[in-house]
Amino acid sequence: MIRKVEKRDIQAIIELLHQVDMVHHVIRPDLFKPNTTKYSELELETLLEDEWRPVFVYDDGKVLGHAFCQITEVRDDKLLQDIKTLYIDDICVDEQARGKHVGTALYEFVRDYAKSIGCNNITLNVWEGNDPALSFYKNMGMKVQKTTMEILL
């Protein structure tokens, strides 16, 4: 059900990215443009080859969700401990498949993948106001690591 993304999945990924964009646009229209995606088809094709940015899909004959990841490592830093982190850039479950544990399956797959490649932790960002996502990640056992704050001028 969950596997690495393939070129044949790009159109389905684009459709899911539109859904992600609209969630963010509704929450923060001052930051996110409507009806767009963070990656083009060409950028997604390039991403498929990047071993430091794996993308996984939940596929039951149709792509119902994706997880975009980024792997980073800190080594020999003056201040920070050596650490390997898997950052979840994006998890999306198709609107029609929500509530069917697709997100849980994707998250657990990514967690197990991160463990298998020696990561110390998983990080991600959640936009303030995206209460369903925040609740989901808390239910997955995630805790706040740091908080980004702003003031609108």
N, C-alpha and C. Protein backbone atom coordinates (compact mmCIF):
# COMPACT_ATOMS: atom_id res chain seq x y z
N MET A 1 0.82 -1.20 0.00
CA MET A 1 0.00 0.00 0.00
C MET A 1 0.86 1.27 0.00
N ILE A 2 1.99 1.25 0.73
CA ILE A 2 2.85 2.43 0.77
C ILE A 2 4.17 2.08 0.09
N ARG A 3 4.59 2.98 -0.79
CA ARG A 3 5.80 2.76 -1.58
C ARG A 3 6.39 4.10 -1.96
N LYS A 4 7.63 4.03 -2.49
CA LYS A 4 8.24 5.26 -3.00
C LYS A 4 7.48 5.73 -4.22
N VAL A 5 7.40 7.02 -4.39
CA VAL A 5 6.70 7.61 -5.52
C VAL A 5 7.39 7.22 -6.82
N GLU A 6 6.60 7.11 -7.87
CA GLU A 6 7.11 6.81 -9.21
C GLU A 6 6.61 7.88 -10.17
N LYS A 7 7.22 7.95 -11.32
CA LYS A 7 6.86 8.96 -12.31
C LYS A 7 5.37 8.91 -12.65
N ARG A 8 4.79 7.73 -12.68
CA ARG A 8 3.37 7.57 -13.01
C ARG A 8 2.44 8.19 -11.97
N ASP A 9 2.97 8.52 -10.80
CA ASP A 9 2.17 9.10 -9.71
C ASP A 9 2.11 10.61 -9.76
N ILE A 10 2.87 11.24 -10.64
CA ILE A 10 3.03 12.69 -10.59
C ILE A 10 1.70 13.43 -10.69
N GLN A 11 0.82 13.04 -11.58
CA GLN A 11 -0.45 13.76 -11.71
C GLN A 11 -1.29 13.65 -10.45
N ALA A 12 -1.30 12.49 -9.83
CA ALA A 12 -2.04 12.32 -8.57
C ALA A 12 -1.42 13.17 -7.47
N ILE A 13 -0.10 13.25 -7.45
CA ILE A 13 0.58 14.08 -6.45
C ILE A 13 0.22 15.55 -6.66
N ILE A 14 0.19 15.99 -7.92
CA ILE A 14 -0.18 17.38 -8.22
C ILE A 14 -1.58 17.68 -7.67
N GLU A 15 -2.51 16.75 -7.85
CA GLU A 15 -3.87 16.95 -7.34
C GLU A 15 -3.88 17.05 -5.81
N LEU A 16 -3.10 16.22 -5.15
CA LEU A 16 -3.01 16.30 -3.68
C LEU A 16 -2.36 17.60 -3.24
N LEU A 17 -1.33 18.04 -3.97
CA LEU A 17 -0.66 19.29 -3.62
C LEU A 17 -1.62 20.48 -3.75
N HIS A 18 -2.55 20.41 -4.70
CA HIS A 18 -3.58 21.45 -4.80
C HIS A 18 -4.43 21.47 -3.53
N GLN A 19 -4.78 20.29 -3.01
CA GLN A 19 -5.57 20.22 -1.78
C GLN A 19 -4.80 20.82 -0.61
N VAL A 20 -3.50 20.51 -0.51
CA VAL A 20 -2.67 21.06 0.55
C VAL A 20 -2.64 22.58 0.45
N ASP A 21 -2.43 23.07 -0.77
CA ASP A 21 -2.36 24.52 -0.98
C ASP A 21 -3.64 25.19 -0.51
N MET A 22 -4.78 24.62 -0.83
CA MET A 22 -6.04 25.26 -0.46
C MET A 22 -6.26 25.24 1.06
N VAL A 23 -5.82 24.20 1.74
CA VAL A 23 -5.90 24.19 3.21
C VAL A 23 -5.09 25.36 3.75
N HIS A 24 -3.88 25.54 3.22
CA HIS A 24 -3.02 26.62 3.69
C HIS A 24 -3.56 28.00 3.26
N HIS A 25 -4.09 28.08 2.06
CA HIS A 25 -4.64 29.35 1.58
C HIS A 25 -5.83 29.80 2.45
N VAL A 26 -6.68 28.88 2.82
CA VAL A 26 -7.84 29.23 3.65
C VAL A 26 -7.36 29.74 5.02
N ILE A 27 -6.34 29.10 5.58
CA ILE A 27 -5.82 29.51 6.88
C ILE A 27 -5.05 30.82 6.79
N ARG A 28 -4.20 30.96 5.75
CA ARG A 28 -3.33 32.13 5.62
C ARG A 28 -3.33 32.66 4.18
N PRO A 29 -4.42 33.30 3.77
CA PRO A 29 -4.47 33.85 2.41
C PRO A 29 -3.47 34.98 2.19
N ASP A 30 -2.95 35.54 3.28
CA ASP A 30 -1.92 36.57 3.16
C ASP A 30 -0.57 35.98 2.74
N LEU A 31 -0.41 34.68 2.90
CA LEU A 31 0.85 34.01 2.55
C LEU A 31 0.72 33.08 1.35
N PHE A 32 -0.38 32.33 1.27
CA PHE A 32 -0.51 31.29 0.25
C PHE A 32 -1.47 31.71 -0.85
N LYS A 33 -1.01 31.58 -2.08
CA LYS A 33 -1.85 31.84 -3.25
C LYS A 33 -2.81 30.68 -3.44
N PRO A 34 -4.01 30.92 -3.97
CA PRO A 34 -4.94 29.82 -4.22
C PRO A 34 -4.60 29.10 -5.53
N ASN A 35 -5.04 27.86 -5.62
CA ASN A 35 -5.01 27.09 -6.87
C ASN A 35 -3.63 26.97 -7.48
N THR A 36 -2.66 26.61 -6.65
CA THR A 36 -1.32 26.36 -7.15
C THR A 36 -0.70 25.21 -6.37
N THR A 37 0.52 24.86 -6.71
CA THR A 37 1.24 23.80 -6.00
C THR A 37 2.66 24.25 -5.72
N LYS A 38 3.27 23.63 -4.73
CA LYS A 38 4.64 24.00 -4.38
C LYS A 38 5.66 23.40 -5.34
N TYR A 39 5.28 22.40 -6.12
CA TYR A 39 6.16 21.79 -7.11
C TYR A 39 5.45 21.67 -8.44
N SER A 40 6.20 21.85 -9.52
CA SER A 40 5.68 21.59 -10.86
C SER A 40 5.93 20.11 -11.19
N GLU A 41 5.37 19.67 -12.29
CA GLU A 41 5.61 18.28 -12.71
C GLU A 41 7.09 18.04 -12.94
N LEU A 42 7.77 19.00 -13.56
CA LEU A 42 9.21 18.86 -13.82
C LEU A 42 9.99 18.80 -12.51
N GLU A 43 9.64 19.64 -11.56
CA GLU A 43 10.31 19.62 -10.26
C GLU A 43 10.07 18.29 -9.54
N LEU A 44 8.88 17.74 -9.68
CA LEU A 44 8.60 16.44 -9.06
C LEU A 44 9.43 15.34 -9.71
N GLU A 45 9.59 15.38 -11.03
CA GLU A 45 10.42 14.39 -11.71
C GLU A 45 11.85 14.44 -11.19
N THR A 46 12.37 15.64 -10.99
CA THR A 46 13.72 15.79 -10.45
C THR A 46 13.80 15.28 -9.03
N LEU A 47 12.79 15.55 -8.26
CA LEU A 47 12.74 15.13 -6.86
C LEU A 47 12.79 13.61 -6.72
N LEU A 48 12.24 12.90 -7.68
CA LEU A 48 12.22 11.44 -7.63
C LEU A 48 13.62 10.85 -7.53
N GLU A 49 14.61 11.57 -8.02
CA GLU A 49 15.98 11.08 -8.04
C GLU A 49 16.78 11.45 -6.80
N ASP A 50 16.23 12.26 -5.91
CA ASP A 50 16.97 12.78 -4.76
C ASP A 50 16.81 11.86 -3.55
N GLU A 51 17.86 11.13 -3.23
CA GLU A 51 17.79 10.18 -2.11
C GLU A 51 17.66 10.85 -0.75
N TRP A 52 17.98 12.16 -0.66
CA TRP A 52 17.86 12.91 0.58
C TRP A 52 16.46 13.51 0.75
N ARG A 53 15.61 13.35 -0.27
CA ARG A 53 14.25 13.90 -0.21
C ARG A 53 13.24 12.84 -0.68
N PRO A 54 13.13 11.73 0.03
CA PRO A 54 12.22 10.68 -0.42
C PRO A 54 10.75 11.10 -0.33
N VAL A 55 9.97 10.59 -1.26
CA VAL A 55 8.53 10.82 -1.28
C VAL A 55 7.86 9.45 -1.32
N PHE A 56 6.88 9.28 -0.46
CA PHE A 56 6.14 8.02 -0.39
C PHE A 56 4.67 8.26 -0.71
N VAL A 57 4.03 7.26 -1.29
CA VAL A 57 2.61 7.36 -1.59
C VAL A 57 1.87 6.17 -0.99
N TYR A 58 0.63 6.44 -0.62
CA TYR A 58 -0.30 5.40 -0.21
C TYR A 58 -1.13 5.08 -1.44
N ASP A 59 -1.01 3.85 -1.92
CA ASP A 59 -1.62 3.47 -3.19
C ASP A 59 -2.44 2.20 -3.00
N ASP A 60 -3.73 2.30 -3.21
CA ASP A 60 -4.59 1.11 -3.19
C ASP A 60 -5.25 0.93 -4.56
N GLY A 61 -4.48 1.20 -5.61
CA GLY A 61 -5.00 1.23 -6.97
C GLY A 61 -5.17 2.66 -7.42
N LYS A 62 -5.25 3.56 -6.46
CA LYS A 62 -5.30 5.00 -6.67
C LYS A 62 -4.46 5.63 -5.56
N VAL A 63 -3.70 6.65 -5.89
CA VAL A 63 -2.90 7.33 -4.87
C VAL A 63 -3.85 8.12 -3.97
N LEU A 64 -3.88 7.74 -2.69
CA LEU A 64 -4.78 8.38 -1.72
C LEU A 64 -4.05 9.31 -0.77
N GLY A 65 -2.73 9.31 -0.82
CA GLY A 65 -1.97 10.17 0.06
C GLY A 65 -0.50 10.15 -0.28
N HIS A 66 0.20 11.16 0.23
CA HIS A 66 1.64 11.21 0.03
C HIS A 66 2.33 11.75 1.28
N ALA A 67 3.64 11.48 1.35
CA ALA A 67 4.49 12.04 2.40
C ALA A 67 5.80 12.48 1.74
N PHE A 68 6.05 13.79 1.76
CA PHE A 68 7.30 14.35 1.27
C PHE A 68 8.24 14.47 2.46
N CYS A 69 9.45 13.96 2.33
CA CYS A 69 10.40 13.96 3.43
C CYS A 69 11.73 14.60 3.00
N GLN A 70 12.48 15.06 3.99
CA GLN A 70 13.83 15.58 3.76
C GLN A 70 14.71 15.06 4.88
N ILE A 71 15.85 14.52 4.50
CA ILE A 71 16.79 14.00 5.48
C ILE A 71 17.94 15.00 5.62
N THR A 72 18.24 15.36 6.86
CA THR A 72 19.37 16.27 7.11
C THR A 72 20.25 15.66 8.19
N GLU A 73 21.52 16.03 8.15
CA GLU A 73 22.47 15.58 9.16
C GLU A 73 23.30 16.76 9.64
N VAL A 74 23.52 16.82 10.94
CA VAL A 74 24.45 17.76 11.53
C VAL A 74 25.64 16.94 12.01
N ARG A 75 26.84 17.34 11.60
CA ARG A 75 28.06 16.65 12.02
C ARG A 75 29.11 17.68 12.39
N ASP A 76 29.77 17.44 13.50
CA ASP A 76 30.91 18.26 13.93
C ASP A 76 30.58 19.75 13.99
N ASP A 77 29.36 20.07 14.39
CA ASP A 77 28.96 21.46 14.54
C ASP A 77 29.53 22.01 15.86
N LYS A 78 29.87 23.28 15.85
CA LYS A 78 30.42 23.92 17.04
C LYS A 78 29.44 23.91 18.22
N LEU A 79 28.15 24.06 17.91
CA LEU A 79 27.14 24.18 18.95
C LEU A 79 26.27 22.93 19.10
N LEU A 80 25.88 22.35 17.98
CA LEU A 80 24.87 21.29 17.98
C LEU A 80 25.48 19.89 18.03
N GLN A 81 24.76 19.01 18.66
CA GLN A 81 25.14 17.60 18.67
C GLN A 81 25.00 17.02 17.27
N ASP A 82 25.77 15.97 16.98
CA ASP A 82 25.58 15.24 15.73
C ASP A 82 24.18 14.63 15.76
N ILE A 83 23.44 14.81 14.67
CA ILE A 83 22.07 14.30 14.64
C ILE A 83 21.63 14.13 13.19
N LYS A 84 20.89 13.08 12.97
CA LYS A 84 20.27 12.82 11.66
C LYS A 84 18.77 12.93 11.84
N THR A 85 18.14 13.80 11.06
CA THR A 85 16.72 14.11 11.22
C THR A 85 15.97 13.84 9.92
N LEU A 86 14.79 13.30 10.05
CA LEU A 86 13.87 13.22 8.92
C LEU A 86 12.80 14.28 9.15
N TYR A 87 12.75 15.24 8.23
CA TYR A 87 11.76 16.30 8.29
C TYR A 87 10.62 15.93 7.35
N ILE A 88 9.40 15.92 7.86
CA ILE A 88 8.22 15.69 7.02
C ILE A 88 7.81 17.04 6.46
N ASP A 89 8.07 17.23 5.19
CA ASP A 89 7.74 18.50 4.53
C ASP A 89 6.24 18.58 4.27
N ASP A 90 5.62 17.44 4.07
CA ASP A 90 4.20 17.45 3.71
C ASP A 90 3.62 16.05 3.83
N ILE A 91 2.52 15.92 4.52
CA ILE A 91 1.70 14.71 4.43
C ILE A 91 0.32 15.18 3.99
N CYS A 92 -0.22 14.53 2.99
CA CYS A 92 -1.57 14.85 2.54
C CYS A 92 -2.34 13.57 2.29
N VAL A 93 -3.57 13.57 2.75
CA VAL A 93 -4.50 12.48 2.45
C VAL A 93 -5.61 13.09 1.61
N ASP A 94 -5.95 12.43 0.53
CA ASP A 94 -7.02 12.90 -0.35
C ASP A 94 -8.28 13.15 0.47
N GLU A 95 -8.95 14.24 0.17
CA GLU A 95 -10.17 14.61 0.90
C GLU A 95 -11.18 13.47 0.96
N GLN A 96 -11.26 12.66 -0.09
CA GLN A 96 -12.23 11.56 -0.15
C GLN A 96 -11.81 10.37 0.70
N ALA A 97 -10.54 10.34 1.16
CA ALA A 97 -10.04 9.19 1.91
C ALA A 97 -9.78 9.51 3.38
N ARG A 98 -10.09 10.71 3.79
CA ARG A 98 -9.81 11.10 5.18
C ARG A 98 -10.70 10.32 6.13
N GLY A 99 -10.14 10.00 7.29
CA GLY A 99 -10.86 9.22 8.29
C GLY A 99 -10.73 7.73 8.08
N LYS A 100 -9.94 7.31 7.09
CA LYS A 100 -9.77 5.88 6.79
C LYS A 100 -8.38 5.38 7.16
N HIS A 101 -7.68 6.12 8.01
CA HIS A 101 -6.37 5.75 8.55
C HIS A 101 -5.24 5.77 7.53
N VAL A 102 -5.44 6.46 6.42
CA VAL A 102 -4.38 6.61 5.42
C VAL A 102 -3.24 7.44 6.00
N GLY A 103 -3.57 8.54 6.67
CA GLY A 103 -2.56 9.39 7.27
C GLY A 103 -1.76 8.65 8.34
N THR A 104 -2.44 7.88 9.15
CA THR A 104 -1.76 7.09 10.18
C THR A 104 -0.79 6.11 9.54
N ALA A 105 -1.25 5.42 8.50
CA ALA A 105 -0.38 4.46 7.82
C ALA A 105 0.84 5.15 7.22
N LEU A 106 0.64 6.31 6.59
CA LEU A 106 1.77 7.05 6.02
C LEU A 106 2.74 7.48 7.11
N TYR A 107 2.21 8.06 8.18
CA TYR A 107 3.07 8.52 9.26
C TYR A 107 3.87 7.37 9.86
N GLU A 108 3.21 6.25 10.14
CA GLU A 108 3.91 5.11 10.72
C GLU A 108 4.96 4.54 9.78
N PHE A 109 4.66 4.54 8.49
CA PHE A 109 5.64 4.09 7.50
C PHE A 109 6.87 5.00 7.52
N VAL A 110 6.64 6.31 7.52
CA VAL A 110 7.74 7.28 7.55
C VAL A 110 8.53 7.13 8.84
N ARG A 111 7.85 6.96 9.96
CA ARG A 111 8.53 6.77 11.25
C ARG A 111 9.44 5.54 11.20
N ASP A 112 8.92 4.43 10.67
CA ASP A 112 9.72 3.21 10.58
C ASP A 112 10.88 3.38 9.60
N TYR A 113 10.64 4.10 8.51
CA TYR A 113 11.71 4.38 7.54
C TYR A 113 12.81 5.21 8.22
N ALA A 114 12.41 6.24 8.96
CA ALA A 114 13.39 7.08 9.64
C ALA A 114 14.24 6.26 10.61
N LYS A 115 13.60 5.38 11.36
CA LYS A 115 14.35 4.49 12.26
C LYS A 115 15.32 3.62 11.48
N SER A 116 14.86 3.09 10.35
CA SER A 116 15.69 2.16 9.58
C SER A 116 16.92 2.80 8.97
N ILE A 117 16.89 4.11 8.76
CA ILE A 117 18.06 4.80 8.19
C ILE A 117 18.86 5.53 9.26
N GLY A 118 18.55 5.27 10.53
CA GLY A 118 19.35 5.79 11.62
C GLY A 118 19.05 7.22 12.05
N CYS A 119 17.85 7.69 11.79
CA CYS A 119 17.48 9.04 12.23
C CYS A 119 17.27 9.07 13.74
N ASN A 120 17.63 10.21 14.34
CA ASN A 120 17.41 10.41 15.76
C ASN A 120 16.01 10.93 16.05
N ASN A 121 15.43 11.65 15.06
CA ASN A 121 14.12 12.24 15.30
C ASN A 121 13.42 12.54 13.98
N ILE A 122 12.15 12.89 14.11
CA ILE A 122 11.32 13.35 12.99
C ILE A 122 10.81 14.72 13.39
N THR A 123 10.88 15.66 12.45
CA THR A 123 10.35 17.00 12.70
C THR A 123 9.38 17.37 11.58
N LEU A 124 8.56 18.36 11.86
CA LEU A 124 7.65 18.91 10.85
C LEU A 124 7.12 20.24 11.36
N ASN A 125 6.49 20.97 10.49
CA ASN A 125 5.84 22.23 10.85
C ASN A 125 4.34 22.09 10.61
N VAL A 126 3.56 22.72 11.49
CA VAL A 126 2.11 22.78 11.33
C VAL A 126 1.71 24.24 11.43
N TRP A 127 0.94 24.72 10.46
CA TRP A 127 0.48 26.10 10.49
C TRP A 127 -0.55 26.29 11.58
N GLU A 128 -0.40 27.37 12.31
CA GLU A 128 -1.40 27.73 13.32
C GLU A 128 -2.76 27.84 12.63
N GLY A 129 -3.76 27.25 13.21
CA GLY A 129 -5.09 27.25 12.61
C GLY A 129 -5.41 25.94 11.91
N ASN A 130 -4.40 25.12 11.66
CA ASN A 130 -4.63 23.81 11.04
C ASN A 130 -4.83 22.80 12.17
N ASP A 131 -5.92 22.97 12.88
CA ASP A 131 -6.20 22.16 14.07
C ASP A 131 -6.29 20.66 13.79
N PRO A 132 -6.90 20.24 12.67
CA PRO A 132 -6.93 18.79 12.41
C PRO A 132 -5.52 18.20 12.29
N ALA A 133 -4.61 18.91 11.61
CA ALA A 133 -3.24 18.40 11.46
C ALA A 133 -2.54 18.38 12.82
N LEU A 134 -2.69 19.44 13.59
CA LEU A 134 -2.05 19.50 14.90
C LEU A 134 -2.54 18.36 15.79
N SER A 135 -3.82 18.12 15.80
CA SER A 135 -4.39 17.03 16.59
C SER A 135 -3.86 15.67 16.11
N PHE A 136 -3.81 15.49 14.79
CA PHE A 136 -3.31 14.24 14.22
C PHE A 136 -1.89 13.97 14.70
N TYR A 137 -1.00 14.96 14.57
CA TYR A 137 0.40 14.75 14.93
C TYR A 137 0.57 14.53 16.43
N LYS A 138 -0.23 15.21 17.24
CA LYS A 138 -0.18 14.95 18.68
C LYS A 138 -0.62 13.52 18.98
N ASN A 139 -1.65 13.05 18.27
CA ASN A 139 -2.10 11.67 18.44
C ASN A 139 -1.05 10.66 18.01
N MET A 140 -0.16 11.07 17.11
CA MET A 140 0.93 10.20 16.66
C MET A 140 2.09 10.21 17.65
N GLY A 141 1.97 11.03 18.71
CA GLY A 141 2.99 11.06 19.75
C GLY A 141 3.98 12.21 19.61
N MET A 142 3.79 13.09 18.64
CA MET A 142 4.71 14.20 18.46
C MET A 142 4.48 15.27 19.51
N LYS A 143 5.56 15.98 19.85
CA LYS A 143 5.53 17.05 20.83
C LYS A 143 6.14 18.30 20.20
N VAL A 144 5.82 19.46 20.74
CA VAL A 144 6.36 20.72 20.26
C VAL A 144 7.86 20.75 20.55
N GLN A 145 8.66 21.05 19.51
CA GLN A 145 10.10 21.20 19.66
C GLN A 145 10.47 22.68 19.81
N LYS A 146 9.88 23.51 18.99
CA LYS A 146 10.11 24.96 19.05
C LYS A 146 8.89 25.65 18.45
N THR A 147 8.79 26.93 18.70
CA THR A 147 7.65 27.70 18.22
C THR A 147 8.16 28.87 17.40
N THR A 148 7.59 29.07 16.23
CA THR A 148 7.88 30.24 15.41
C THR A 148 6.80 31.26 15.66
N MET A 149 7.20 32.48 15.90
CA MET A 149 6.22 33.53 16.19
C MET A 149 6.36 34.64 15.17
N GLU A 150 5.28 35.43 15.03
CA GLU A 150 5.29 36.54 14.08
C GLU A 150 4.43 37.67 14.60
N ILE A 151 4.62 38.84 13.99
CA ILE A 151 3.70 39.95 14.16
C ILE A 151 3.44 40.51 12.76
N LEU A 152 2.19 40.67 12.43
CA LEU A 152 1.84 41.24 11.13
C LEU A 152 1.93 42.75 11.21
N LEU A 153 2.55 43.33 10.23
CA LEU A 153 2.74 44.78 10.22
C LEU A 153 1.87 45.45 9.18
